[in-house]
Amino acid sequence: MYQDNPFHNFEHASHVTASVKKLLTRIVNVDDGNGLSTQGDKIDLVDMAGHSYGITSDPLTQFSVVFSAIIHDMDHPGVPNVQLVKEKTRNAQIFKKSVAEQNSVELAWSMLMSDEYGALRACIYHTEADLRRFRQLVVNTVMATDI
C-alpha cells in the first residue's frame, strides 16, 4: 500500500489522519472547553458550529475526510507529480495530472470495492446516492492534497 520513502509513507499518512481527526473534533465540538471564548467574550458556540459547512451533522462527510487522510499518499513513489509526468511513468500516462493522488484514490477505491470489505461498505453508505457522494467527497479531498 505505502512505499518505503522518506516522506509519503504510512507514518506520514497516520500523522495526517490524526491531525484531521483533531481538526474535525475542534470543528464539531461546541462546548466551552474548546478555547473559543475568553473572559468577556459573547460568542455563541452553538451558532459557530452552524458555520462548519454541514460537517457537524454529517457523519459521511466526517468519515470521508478521515478515510481520505489515511489513503491520500497510498503507493506514492516519493517524487513530485511534475517528475512523474516528465519521466512519462505508466501512471502519468493514465492520469495526466494529480498523478500520485489519482493513483492513490484508484488503488484505495479498488480495495474498498473488493468482496473482502463488503461489511465496511455497508457501514459507510446505504444507498447508491450515498455511495456516489462518498466517492466524490473522497476524490475531492485527496485531490486537494496535490499542492
C-alpha atoms as a PDB file:
ATOM      1  CA  MET A   1       0.000   0.000   0.000  1.00  0.00           C
ATOM      2  CA  TYR A   2       2.603   2.539   1.092  1.00  0.00           C
ATOM      3  CA  GLN A   3       6.076   2.555  -0.341  1.00  0.00           C
ATOM      4  CA  ASP A   4       9.148   2.943   1.841  1.00  0.00           C
ATOM      5  CA  ASN A   5      10.181   6.502   1.041  1.00  0.00           C
ATOM      6  CA  PRO A   6      11.261   9.343   3.325  1.00  0.00           C
ATOM      7  CA  PHE A   7       8.006  11.315   3.404  1.00  0.00           C
ATOM      8  CA  HIS A   8       4.988   9.906   1.555  1.00  0.00           C
ATOM      9  CA  ASN A   9       4.793   6.801   3.724  1.00  0.00           C
ATOM     10  CA  PHE A  10       2.375   5.188   6.162  1.00  0.00           C
ATOM     11  CA  GLU A  11       3.798   7.082   9.145  1.00  0.00           C
ATOM     12  CA  HIS A  12       3.042  10.359   7.347  1.00  0.00           C
ATOM     13  CA  ALA A  13      -0.484   9.152   6.492  1.00  0.00           C
ATOM     14  CA  SER A  14      -1.024   8.219  10.139  1.00  0.00           C
ATOM     15  CA  HIS A  15       0.043  11.704  11.264  1.00  0.00           C
ATOM     16  CA  VAL A  16      -2.210  13.373   8.706  1.00  0.00           C
ATOM     17  CA  THR A  17      -5.113  11.182   9.803  1.00  0.00           C
ATOM     18  CA  ALA A  18      -4.570  12.048  13.471  1.00  0.00           C
ATOM     19  CA  SER A  19      -4.376  15.746  12.584  1.00  0.00           C
ATOM     20  CA  VAL A  20      -7.564  15.584  10.524  1.00  0.00           C
ATOM     21  CA  LYS A  21      -9.389  13.816  13.330  1.00  0.00           C
ATOM     22  CA  LYS A  22      -8.229  16.512  15.759  1.00  0.00           C
ATOM     23  CA  LEU A  23      -9.351  19.279  13.397  1.00  0.00           C
ATOM     24  CA  LEU A  24     -12.752  17.640  12.954  1.00  0.00           C
ATOM     25  CA  THR A  25     -13.089  17.336  16.708  1.00  0.00           C
ATOM     26  CA  ARG A  26     -12.355  21.052  17.072  1.00  0.00           C
ATOM     27  CA  ILE A  27     -14.883  21.949  14.373  1.00  0.00           C
ATOM     28  CA  VAL A  28     -17.614  19.696  15.723  1.00  0.00           C
ATOM     29  CA  ASN A  29     -17.051  20.397  19.432  1.00  0.00           C
ATOM     30  CA  VAL A  30     -19.344  23.154  20.727  1.00  0.00           C
ATOM     31  CA  ASP A  31     -18.539  23.053  24.441  1.00  0.00           C
ATOM     32  CA  ASP A  32     -16.867  25.809  26.459  1.00  0.00           C
ATOM     33  CA  GLY A  33     -13.625  23.883  26.793  1.00  0.00           C
ATOM     34  CA  ASN A  34     -12.540  24.267  23.205  1.00  0.00           C
ATOM     35  CA  GLY A  35     -10.724  27.578  23.708  1.00  0.00           C
ATOM     36  CA  LEU A  36     -13.035  29.671  21.542  1.00  0.00           C
ATOM     37  CA  SER A  37     -14.237  32.005  24.248  1.00  0.00           C
ATOM     38  CA  THR A  38     -12.217  34.262  26.507  1.00  0.00           C
ATOM     39  CA  GLN A  39     -13.187  36.376  29.502  1.00  0.00           C
ATOM     40  CA  GLY A  40     -15.939  38.761  28.490  1.00  0.00           C
ATOM     41  CA  ASP A  41     -16.480  37.364  25.000  1.00  0.00           C
ATOM     42  CA  LYS A  42     -20.060  36.800  23.973  1.00  0.00           C
ATOM     43  CA  ILE A  43     -19.510  34.033  21.436  1.00  0.00           C
ATOM     44  CA  ASP A  44     -22.386  31.659  20.761  1.00  0.00           C
ATOM     45  CA  LEU A  45     -20.520  28.375  20.319  1.00  0.00           C
ATOM     46  CA  VAL A  46     -23.593  26.551  19.050  1.00  0.00           C
ATOM     47  CA  ASP A  47     -24.063  29.241  16.390  1.00  0.00           C
ATOM     48  CA  MET A  48     -20.408  28.864  15.374  1.00  0.00           C
ATOM     49  CA  ALA A  49     -20.970  25.135  14.849  1.00  0.00           C
ATOM     50  CA  GLY A  50     -23.650  26.072  12.331  1.00  0.00           C
ATOM     51  CA  HIS A  51     -20.931  27.699  10.223  1.00  0.00           C
ATOM     52  CA  SER A  52     -18.995  24.474   9.707  1.00  0.00           C
ATOM     53  CA  TYR A  53     -20.377  23.731   6.238  1.00  0.00           C
ATOM     54  CA  GLY A  54     -22.533  20.871   7.490  1.00  0.00           C
ATOM     55  CA  ILE A  55     -19.650  18.809   8.831  1.00  0.00           C
ATOM     56  CA  THR A  56     -21.074  18.868  12.356  1.00  0.00           C
ATOM     57  CA  SER A  57     -24.206  16.990  11.341  1.00  0.00           C
ATOM     58  CA  ASP A  58     -22.855  14.782   8.555  1.00  0.00           C
ATOM     59  CA  PRO A  59     -21.081  11.593   9.634  1.00  0.00           C
ATOM     60  CA  LEU A  60     -20.472  10.584   5.993  1.00  0.00           C
ATOM     61  CA  THR A  61     -18.521  13.770   5.342  1.00  0.00           C
ATOM     62  CA  GLN A  62     -16.553  13.349   8.562  1.00  0.00           C
ATOM     63  CA  PHE A  63     -15.679   9.744   7.705  1.00  0.00           C
ATOM     64  CA  SER A  64     -14.821  10.698   4.115  1.00  0.00           C
ATOM     65  CA  VAL A  65     -12.256  13.226   5.300  1.00  0.00           C
ATOM     66  CA  VAL A  66     -10.646  10.764   7.745  1.00  0.00           C
ATOM     67  CA  PHE A  67     -10.670   7.991   5.130  1.00  0.00           C
ATOM     68  CA  SER A  68      -9.088  10.364   2.616  1.00  0.00           C
ATOM     69  CA  ALA A  69      -6.340  11.245   5.068  1.00  0.00           C
ATOM     70  CA  ILE A  70      -5.292   7.631   5.531  1.00  0.00           C
ATOM     71  CA  ILE A  71      -5.293   6.870   1.784  1.00  0.00           C
ATOM     72  CA  HIS A  72      -4.042  10.181   0.352  1.00  0.00           C
ATOM     73  CA  ASP A  73      -0.468   9.015  -0.343  1.00  0.00           C
ATOM     74  CA  MET A  74      -1.099   5.316  -0.946  1.00  0.00           C
ATOM     75  CA  ASP A  75       1.579   3.886  -3.284  1.00  0.00           C
ATOM     76  CA  HIS A  76       3.206   7.338  -3.590  1.00  0.00           C
ATOM     77  CA  PRO A  77       6.573   6.957  -5.345  1.00  0.00           C
ATOM     78  CA  GLY A  78       8.140   9.777  -3.326  1.00  0.00           C
ATOM     79  CA  VAL A  79       8.676  12.230  -6.181  1.00  0.00           C
ATOM     80  CA  PRO A  80       6.524  15.183  -7.313  1.00  0.00           C
ATOM     81  CA  ASN A  81       3.856  14.779  -9.976  1.00  0.00           C
ATOM     82  CA  VAL A  82       5.858  17.031 -12.309  1.00  0.00           C
ATOM     83  CA  GLN A  83       8.678  14.490 -12.202  1.00  0.00           C
ATOM     84  CA  LEU A  84       6.291  11.608 -12.863  1.00  0.00           C
ATOM     85  CA  VAL A  85       4.949  13.420 -15.932  1.00  0.00           C
ATOM     86  CA  LYS A  86       8.453  14.336 -17.109  1.00  0.00           C
ATOM     87  CA  GLU A  87       9.542  10.691 -16.806  1.00  0.00           C
ATOM     88  CA  LYS A  88       6.364   9.571 -18.598  1.00  0.00           C
ATOM     89  CA  THR A  89       5.631   6.948 -15.981  1.00  0.00           C
ATOM     90  CA  ARG A  90       2.784   4.494 -16.521  1.00  0.00           C
ATOM     91  CA  ASN A  91       0.585   6.354 -14.035  1.00  0.00           C
ATOM     92  CA  ALA A  92       1.404   9.725 -15.630  1.00  0.00           C
ATOM     93  CA  GLN A  93       0.232   8.380 -18.966  1.00  0.00           C
ATOM     94  CA  ILE A  94      -3.004   7.166 -17.386  1.00  0.00           C
ATOM     95  CA  PHE A  95      -3.861  10.133 -15.156  1.00  0.00           C
ATOM     96  CA  LYS A  96      -2.127  13.145 -16.818  1.00  0.00           C
ATOM     97  CA  LYS A  97      -2.440  15.436 -13.730  1.00  0.00           C
ATOM     98  CA  SER A  98      -2.507  14.893  -9.964  1.00  0.00           C
ATOM     99  CA  VAL A  99      -0.882  11.602 -10.881  1.00  0.00           C
ATOM    100  CA  ALA A 100       0.056  10.327  -7.412  1.00  0.00           C
ATOM    101  CA  GLU A 101      -3.234  11.452  -5.887  1.00  0.00           C
ATOM    102  CA  GLN A 102      -5.397   9.873  -8.578  1.00  0.00           C
ATOM    103  CA  ASN A 103      -3.406   6.657  -8.279  1.00  0.00           C
ATOM    104  CA  SER A 104      -3.950   6.658  -4.507  1.00  0.00           C
ATOM    105  CA  VAL A 105      -7.710   7.058  -4.924  1.00  0.00           C
ATOM    106  CA  GLU A 106      -7.841   4.385  -7.618  1.00  0.00           C
ATOM    107  CA  LEU A 107      -5.953   1.819  -5.522  1.00  0.00           C
ATOM    108  CA  ALA A 108      -7.851   2.547  -2.316  1.00  0.00           C
ATOM    109  CA  TRP A 109     -11.207   2.513  -4.101  1.00  0.00           C
ATOM    110  CA  SER A 110     -10.415  -0.814  -5.756  1.00  0.00           C
ATOM    111  CA  MET A 111      -9.563  -2.284  -2.367  1.00  0.00           C
ATOM    112  CA  LEU A 112     -12.690  -0.880  -0.732  1.00  0.00           C
ATOM    113  CA  MET A 113     -14.895  -2.277  -3.512  1.00  0.00           C
ATOM    114  CA  SER A 114     -13.448  -5.786  -3.173  1.00  0.00           C
ATOM    115  CA  ASP A 115     -15.597  -8.519  -1.598  1.00  0.00           C
ATOM    116  CA  GLU A 116     -13.336  -8.514   1.438  1.00  0.00           C
ATOM    117  CA  TYR A 117     -14.617  -5.075   2.510  1.00  0.00           C
ATOM    118  CA  GLY A 118     -18.350  -5.586   1.973  1.00  0.00           C
ATOM    119  CA  ALA A 119     -19.144  -5.250   5.672  1.00  0.00           C
ATOM    120  CA  LEU A 120     -17.208  -1.982   5.880  1.00  0.00           C
ATOM    121  CA  ARG A 121     -19.022  -0.600   2.838  1.00  0.00           C
ATOM    122  CA  ALA A 122     -22.346  -1.482   4.468  1.00  0.00           C
ATOM    123  CA  CYS A 123     -21.351   0.706   7.425  1.00  0.00           C
ATOM    124  CA  ILE A 124     -20.223   3.622   5.241  1.00  0.00           C
ATOM    125  CA  TYR A 125     -23.182   4.001   2.888  1.00  0.00           C
ATOM    126  CA  HIS A 126     -26.662   2.549   2.443  1.00  0.00           C
ATOM    127  CA  THR A 127     -27.807   3.919  -0.903  1.00  0.00           C
ATOM    128  CA  GLU A 128     -26.336   4.486  -4.359  1.00  0.00           C
ATOM    129  CA  ALA A 129     -26.662   8.229  -3.748  1.00  0.00           C
ATOM    130  CA  ASP A 130     -24.591   7.910  -0.548  1.00  0.00           C
ATOM    131  CA  LEU A 131     -22.006   5.844  -2.433  1.00  0.00           C
ATOM    132  CA  ARG A 132     -21.706   8.496  -5.148  1.00  0.00           C
ATOM    133  CA  ARG A 133     -21.468  11.278  -2.535  1.00  0.00           C
ATOM    134  CA  PHE A 134     -18.864   9.354  -0.538  1.00  0.00           C
ATOM    135  CA  ARG A 135     -16.738   8.787  -3.640  1.00  0.00           C
ATOM    136  CA  GLN A 136     -16.991  12.444  -4.661  1.00  0.00           C
ATOM    137  CA  LEU A 137     -16.010  13.590  -1.166  1.00  0.00           C
ATOM    138  CA  VAL A 138     -13.007  11.240  -1.147  1.00  0.00           C
ATOM    139  CA  VAL A 139     -11.876  12.267  -4.638  1.00  0.00           C
ATOM    140  CA  ASN A 140     -12.220  15.986  -3.859  1.00  0.00           C
ATOM    141  CA  THR A 141     -10.419  15.654  -0.532  1.00  0.00           C
ATOM    142  CA  VAL A 142      -7.488  13.641  -1.882  1.00  0.00           C
ATOM    143  CA  MET A 143      -7.148  15.899  -4.945  1.00  0.00           C
ATOM    144  CA  ALA A 144      -6.904  18.868  -2.572  1.00  0.00           C
ATOM    145  CA  THR A 145      -3.633  17.371  -1.271  1.00  0.00           C
ATOM    146  CA  ASP A 146      -1.963  17.983  -4.653  1.00  0.00           C
ATOM    147  CA  ILE A 147      -0.199  21.160  -3.624  1.00  0.00           C
END
